[in-house]
Amino acid sequence: MRAVIEPLKKADKLSKKAGADPEHWYLSDYIVVAKELTLIQEKTATQARLVAGFRNLIHPGRAARTGQSCDRGTAYAALAAIEFVIEDVKKT
């Protein structure tokens, strides 16, 4: 795993928190590493990145600041990301 993480950190593709302990990673770090390890496809990574932004809408302050809300559409987008991950992982 370190062989994958270190080059990604040097390339500035991971957050500063992405270290040896994955419990402290951000969702974006998991997406980058899963894509690099070919656990997920590019379309899955793209959908998951979109959902990461929607996930923040459950915080009322964030929703008010951005003028966005979590609704049926964002829920379907999250479901699509989950379905993509399931299908990709089944293939590995």
N, C-alpha and C. Protein backbone atom coordinates (compact mmCIF):
# COMPACT_ATOMS: atom_id res chain seq x y z
N MET A 1 0.83 -1.19 0.00
CA MET A 1 0.00 0.00 0.00
C MET A 1 0.87 1.26 0.00
N ARG A 2 1.95 1.24 0.75
CA ARG A 2 2.84 2.40 0.80
C ARG A 2 3.40 2.73 -0.57
N ALA A 3 3.62 1.68 -1.38
CA ALA A 3 4.16 1.88 -2.73
C ALA A 3 3.20 2.69 -3.58
N VAL A 4 1.93 2.66 -3.25
CA VAL A 4 0.93 3.44 -3.98
C VAL A 4 0.75 4.82 -3.35
N ILE A 5 0.72 4.87 -2.04
CA ILE A 5 0.42 6.11 -1.32
C ILE A 5 1.52 7.16 -1.49
N GLU A 6 2.76 6.76 -1.34
CA GLU A 6 3.86 7.74 -1.39
C GLU A 6 3.93 8.50 -2.72
N PRO A 7 3.88 7.83 -3.88
CA PRO A 7 3.89 8.59 -5.14
C PRO A 7 2.67 9.51 -5.29
N LEU A 8 1.52 9.07 -4.80
CA LEU A 8 0.33 9.92 -4.88
C LEU A 8 0.47 11.15 -4.01
N LYS A 9 1.08 11.00 -2.84
CA LYS A 9 1.31 12.15 -1.97
C LYS A 9 2.30 13.11 -2.61
N LYS A 10 3.37 12.58 -3.20
CA LYS A 10 4.36 13.43 -3.86
C LYS A 10 3.75 14.17 -5.04
N ALA A 11 2.80 13.54 -5.71
CA ALA A 11 2.11 14.16 -6.84
C ALA A 11 1.00 15.10 -6.37
N ASP A 12 0.84 15.23 -5.06
CA ASP A 12 -0.17 16.11 -4.46
C ASP A 12 -1.59 15.70 -4.80
N LYS A 13 -1.81 14.39 -4.92
CA LYS A 13 -3.14 13.88 -5.23
C LYS A 13 -3.90 13.43 -3.98
N LEU A 14 -3.22 13.40 -2.84
CA LEU A 14 -3.83 13.00 -1.58
C LEU A 14 -3.75 14.15 -0.59
N SER A 15 -4.64 14.13 0.38
CA SER A 15 -4.62 15.16 1.42
C SER A 15 -3.43 14.94 2.34
N LYS A 16 -3.14 15.92 3.13
CA LYS A 16 -2.05 15.82 4.11
C LYS A 16 -2.35 14.75 5.16
N LYS A 17 -3.63 14.47 5.39
CA LYS A 17 -4.03 13.48 6.40
C LYS A 17 -3.82 12.05 5.93
N ALA A 18 -3.66 11.84 4.64
CA ALA A 18 -3.52 10.49 4.11
C ALA A 18 -2.15 9.94 4.46
N GLY A 19 -2.10 9.26 5.58
CA GLY A 19 -0.86 8.65 6.03
C GLY A 19 -1.03 7.16 6.19
N ALA A 20 -0.31 6.62 7.13
CA ALA A 20 -0.32 5.17 7.34
C ALA A 20 -1.67 4.66 7.86
N ASP A 21 -2.39 5.49 8.59
CA ASP A 21 -3.65 5.06 9.20
C ASP A 21 -4.84 5.55 8.38
N PRO A 22 -5.47 4.68 7.59
CA PRO A 22 -6.59 5.10 6.75
C PRO A 22 -7.80 5.62 7.52
N GLU A 23 -7.86 5.40 8.82
CA GLU A 23 -8.99 5.92 9.60
C GLU A 23 -9.02 7.45 9.60
N HIS A 24 -7.93 8.08 9.26
CA HIS A 24 -7.86 9.54 9.27
C HIS A 24 -7.93 10.15 7.88
N TRP A 25 -8.19 9.33 6.87
CA TRP A 25 -8.27 9.81 5.50
C TRP A 25 -9.60 10.49 5.24
N TYR A 26 -9.63 11.30 4.18
CA TYR A 26 -10.86 11.88 3.66
C TYR A 26 -11.42 10.93 2.59
N LEU A 27 -12.69 11.07 2.29
CA LEU A 27 -13.30 10.25 1.25
C LEU A 27 -12.55 10.40 -0.07
N SER A 28 -12.12 11.60 -0.38
CA SER A 28 -11.39 11.83 -1.63
C SER A 28 -10.11 11.00 -1.70
N ASP A 29 -9.45 10.78 -0.55
CA ASP A 29 -8.24 9.96 -0.52
C ASP A 29 -8.56 8.50 -0.88
N TYR A 30 -9.64 7.99 -0.31
CA TYR A 30 -10.04 6.61 -0.61
C TYR A 30 -10.33 6.45 -2.11
N ILE A 31 -10.97 7.45 -2.69
CA ILE A 31 -11.32 7.38 -4.11
C ILE A 31 -10.05 7.34 -4.96
N VAL A 32 -9.10 8.21 -4.67
CA VAL A 32 -7.85 8.27 -5.44
C VAL A 32 -7.09 6.95 -5.33
N VAL A 33 -6.97 6.42 -4.12
CA VAL A 33 -6.22 5.18 -3.91
C VAL A 33 -6.93 4.00 -4.56
N ALA A 34 -8.24 3.92 -4.42
CA ALA A 34 -8.99 2.82 -5.04
C ALA A 34 -8.84 2.85 -6.56
N LYS A 35 -8.85 4.03 -7.14
CA LYS A 35 -8.65 4.16 -8.59
C LYS A 35 -7.24 3.74 -8.97
N GLU A 36 -6.25 4.19 -8.21
CA GLU A 36 -4.85 3.85 -8.49
C GLU A 36 -4.60 2.35 -8.39
N LEU A 37 -5.27 1.69 -7.45
CA LEU A 37 -5.14 0.25 -7.28
C LEU A 37 -6.01 -0.54 -8.25
N THR A 38 -6.71 0.17 -9.12
CA THR A 38 -7.66 -0.38 -10.10
C THR A 38 -8.76 -1.21 -9.43
N LEU A 39 -9.14 -0.80 -8.24
CA LEU A 39 -10.28 -1.42 -7.58
C LEU A 39 -11.58 -0.86 -8.13
N ILE A 40 -11.51 0.39 -8.63
CA ILE A 40 -12.67 1.02 -9.24
C ILE A 40 -12.25 1.62 -10.58
N GLN A 41 -13.23 1.76 -11.47
CA GLN A 41 -13.00 2.35 -12.79
C GLN A 41 -13.09 3.87 -12.71
N GLU A 42 -12.69 4.53 -13.78
CA GLU A 42 -12.71 6.00 -13.82
C GLU A 42 -14.14 6.53 -13.65
N LYS A 43 -15.13 5.89 -14.30
CA LYS A 43 -16.52 6.37 -14.17
C LYS A 43 -16.99 6.28 -12.72
N THR A 44 -16.53 5.27 -12.01
CA THR A 44 -16.89 5.10 -10.60
C THR A 44 -16.23 6.19 -9.77
N ALA A 45 -14.96 6.45 -10.04
CA ALA A 45 -14.25 7.51 -9.31
C ALA A 45 -14.91 8.86 -9.55
N THR A 46 -15.31 9.12 -10.77
CA THR A 46 -15.98 10.39 -11.10
C THR A 46 -17.29 10.52 -10.33
N GLN A 47 -18.09 9.48 -10.35
CA GLN A 47 -19.38 9.51 -9.64
C GLN A 47 -19.16 9.67 -8.13
N ALA A 48 -18.16 8.97 -7.60
CA ALA A 48 -17.88 9.06 -6.17
C ALA A 48 -17.41 10.46 -5.78
N ARG A 49 -16.63 11.11 -6.64
CA ARG A 49 -16.20 12.49 -6.35
C ARG A 49 -17.40 13.43 -6.32
N LEU A 50 -18.34 13.22 -7.23
CA LEU A 50 -19.56 14.04 -7.23
C LEU A 50 -20.34 13.85 -5.94
N VAL A 51 -20.45 12.62 -5.51
CA VAL A 51 -21.21 12.30 -4.31
C VAL A 51 -20.52 12.87 -3.07
N ALA A 52 -19.21 12.91 -3.07
CA ALA A 52 -18.48 13.47 -1.92
C ALA A 52 -18.94 14.90 -1.66
N GLY A 53 -19.18 15.65 -2.72
CA GLY A 53 -19.69 17.01 -2.56
C GLY A 53 -21.12 17.04 -2.03
N PHE A 54 -21.94 16.13 -2.50
CA PHE A 54 -23.32 16.05 -2.02
C PHE A 54 -23.38 15.65 -0.56
N ARG A 55 -22.47 14.78 -0.16
CA ARG A 55 -22.46 14.30 1.22
C ARG A 55 -22.37 15.46 2.21
N ASN A 56 -21.66 16.50 1.82
CA ASN A 56 -21.51 17.64 2.71
C ASN A 56 -22.80 18.43 2.88
N LEU A 57 -23.79 18.19 2.04
CA LEU A 57 -25.04 18.94 2.12
C LEU A 57 -25.90 18.52 3.31
N ILE A 58 -25.52 17.47 4.00
CA ILE A 58 -26.30 17.10 5.19
C ILE A 58 -26.01 18.05 6.33
N HIS A 59 -24.98 18.87 6.19
CA HIS A 59 -24.68 19.88 7.20
C HIS A 59 -25.49 21.13 6.87
N PRO A 60 -26.40 21.54 7.74
CA PRO A 60 -27.28 22.67 7.43
C PRO A 60 -26.54 23.94 7.07
N GLY A 61 -25.43 24.23 7.75
CA GLY A 61 -24.67 25.44 7.46
C GLY A 61 -24.11 25.42 6.05
N ARG A 62 -23.60 24.29 5.63
CA ARG A 62 -23.04 24.15 4.29
C ARG A 62 -24.14 24.31 3.24
N ALA A 63 -25.27 23.68 3.47
CA ALA A 63 -26.39 23.78 2.54
C ALA A 63 -26.84 25.24 2.40
N ALA A 64 -26.89 25.96 3.51
CA ALA A 64 -27.31 27.37 3.48
C ALA A 64 -26.28 28.22 2.73
N ARG A 65 -25.00 27.97 2.97
CA ARG A 65 -23.95 28.76 2.32
C ARG A 65 -23.91 28.54 0.81
N THR A 66 -24.12 27.30 0.38
CA THR A 66 -24.01 26.99 -1.04
C THR A 66 -25.33 27.17 -1.79
N GLY A 67 -26.43 27.24 -1.04
CA GLY A 67 -27.74 27.35 -1.69
C GLY A 67 -28.20 26.04 -2.29
N GLN A 68 -27.55 24.95 -1.93
CA GLN A 68 -27.92 23.65 -2.42
C GLN A 68 -28.63 22.87 -1.33
N SER A 69 -29.32 21.84 -1.73
CA SER A 69 -29.96 21.00 -0.73
C SER A 69 -29.81 19.54 -1.13
N CYS A 70 -29.94 18.69 -0.14
CA CYS A 70 -29.91 17.26 -0.39
C CYS A 70 -31.33 16.84 -0.73
N ASP A 71 -31.52 16.28 -1.90
CA ASP A 71 -32.86 15.93 -2.34
C ASP A 71 -32.83 14.55 -3.01
N ARG A 72 -33.91 14.21 -3.66
CA ARG A 72 -34.00 12.91 -4.32
C ARG A 72 -32.91 12.74 -5.37
N GLY A 73 -32.60 13.80 -6.10
CA GLY A 73 -31.56 13.72 -7.13
C GLY A 73 -30.20 13.40 -6.56
N THR A 74 -29.84 14.06 -5.47
CA THR A 74 -28.54 13.79 -4.86
C THR A 74 -28.53 12.39 -4.25
N ALA A 75 -29.66 11.94 -3.75
CA ALA A 75 -29.74 10.57 -3.22
C ALA A 75 -29.54 9.55 -4.34
N TYR A 76 -30.14 9.80 -5.51
CA TYR A 76 -29.94 8.89 -6.64
C TYR A 76 -28.48 8.90 -7.11
N ALA A 77 -27.86 10.08 -7.07
CA ALA A 77 -26.44 10.15 -7.46
C ALA A 77 -25.59 9.32 -6.50
N ALA A 78 -25.90 9.39 -5.22
CA ALA A 78 -25.16 8.59 -4.23
C ALA A 78 -25.40 7.11 -4.47
N LEU A 79 -26.63 6.75 -4.76
CA LEU A 79 -26.96 5.35 -5.03
C LEU A 79 -26.22 4.85 -6.27
N ALA A 80 -26.12 5.69 -7.28
CA ALA A 80 -25.39 5.31 -8.49
C ALA A 80 -23.92 5.05 -8.17
N ALA A 81 -23.32 5.89 -7.36
CA ALA A 81 -21.93 5.69 -6.98
C ALA A 81 -21.75 4.37 -6.25
N ILE A 82 -22.66 4.08 -5.35
CA ILE A 82 -22.58 2.82 -4.60
C ILE A 82 -22.72 1.63 -5.53
N GLU A 83 -23.65 1.70 -6.46
CA GLU A 83 -23.83 0.61 -7.42
C GLU A 83 -22.58 0.41 -8.27
N PHE A 84 -21.96 1.51 -8.72
CA PHE A 84 -20.72 1.42 -9.50
C PHE A 84 -19.62 0.74 -8.69
N VAL A 85 -19.48 1.13 -7.43
CA VAL A 85 -18.44 0.53 -6.58
C VAL A 85 -18.70 -0.96 -6.42
N ILE A 86 -19.93 -1.34 -6.15
CA ILE A 86 -20.26 -2.76 -5.98
C ILE A 86 -19.89 -3.55 -7.24
N GLU A 87 -20.26 -3.04 -8.40
CA GLU A 87 -19.97 -3.74 -9.65
C GLU A 87 -18.46 -3.84 -9.90
N ASP A 88 -17.74 -2.77 -9.62
CA ASP A 88 -16.28 -2.80 -9.82
C ASP A 88 -15.60 -3.78 -8.87
N VAL A 89 -16.02 -3.78 -7.62
CA VAL A 89 -15.41 -4.66 -6.64
C VAL A 89 -15.72 -6.12 -6.94
N LYS A 90 -16.92 -6.39 -7.45
CA LYS A 90 -17.27 -7.77 -7.82
C LYS A 90 -16.34 -8.30 -8.91
N LYS A 91 -15.84 -7.40 -9.75
CA LYS A 91 -14.96 -7.82 -10.85
C LYS A 91 -13.54 -8.12 -10.39
N THR A 92 -13.15 -7.60 -9.23
CA THR A 92 -11.76 -7.81 -8.77
C THR A 92 -11.59 -9.06 -7.97
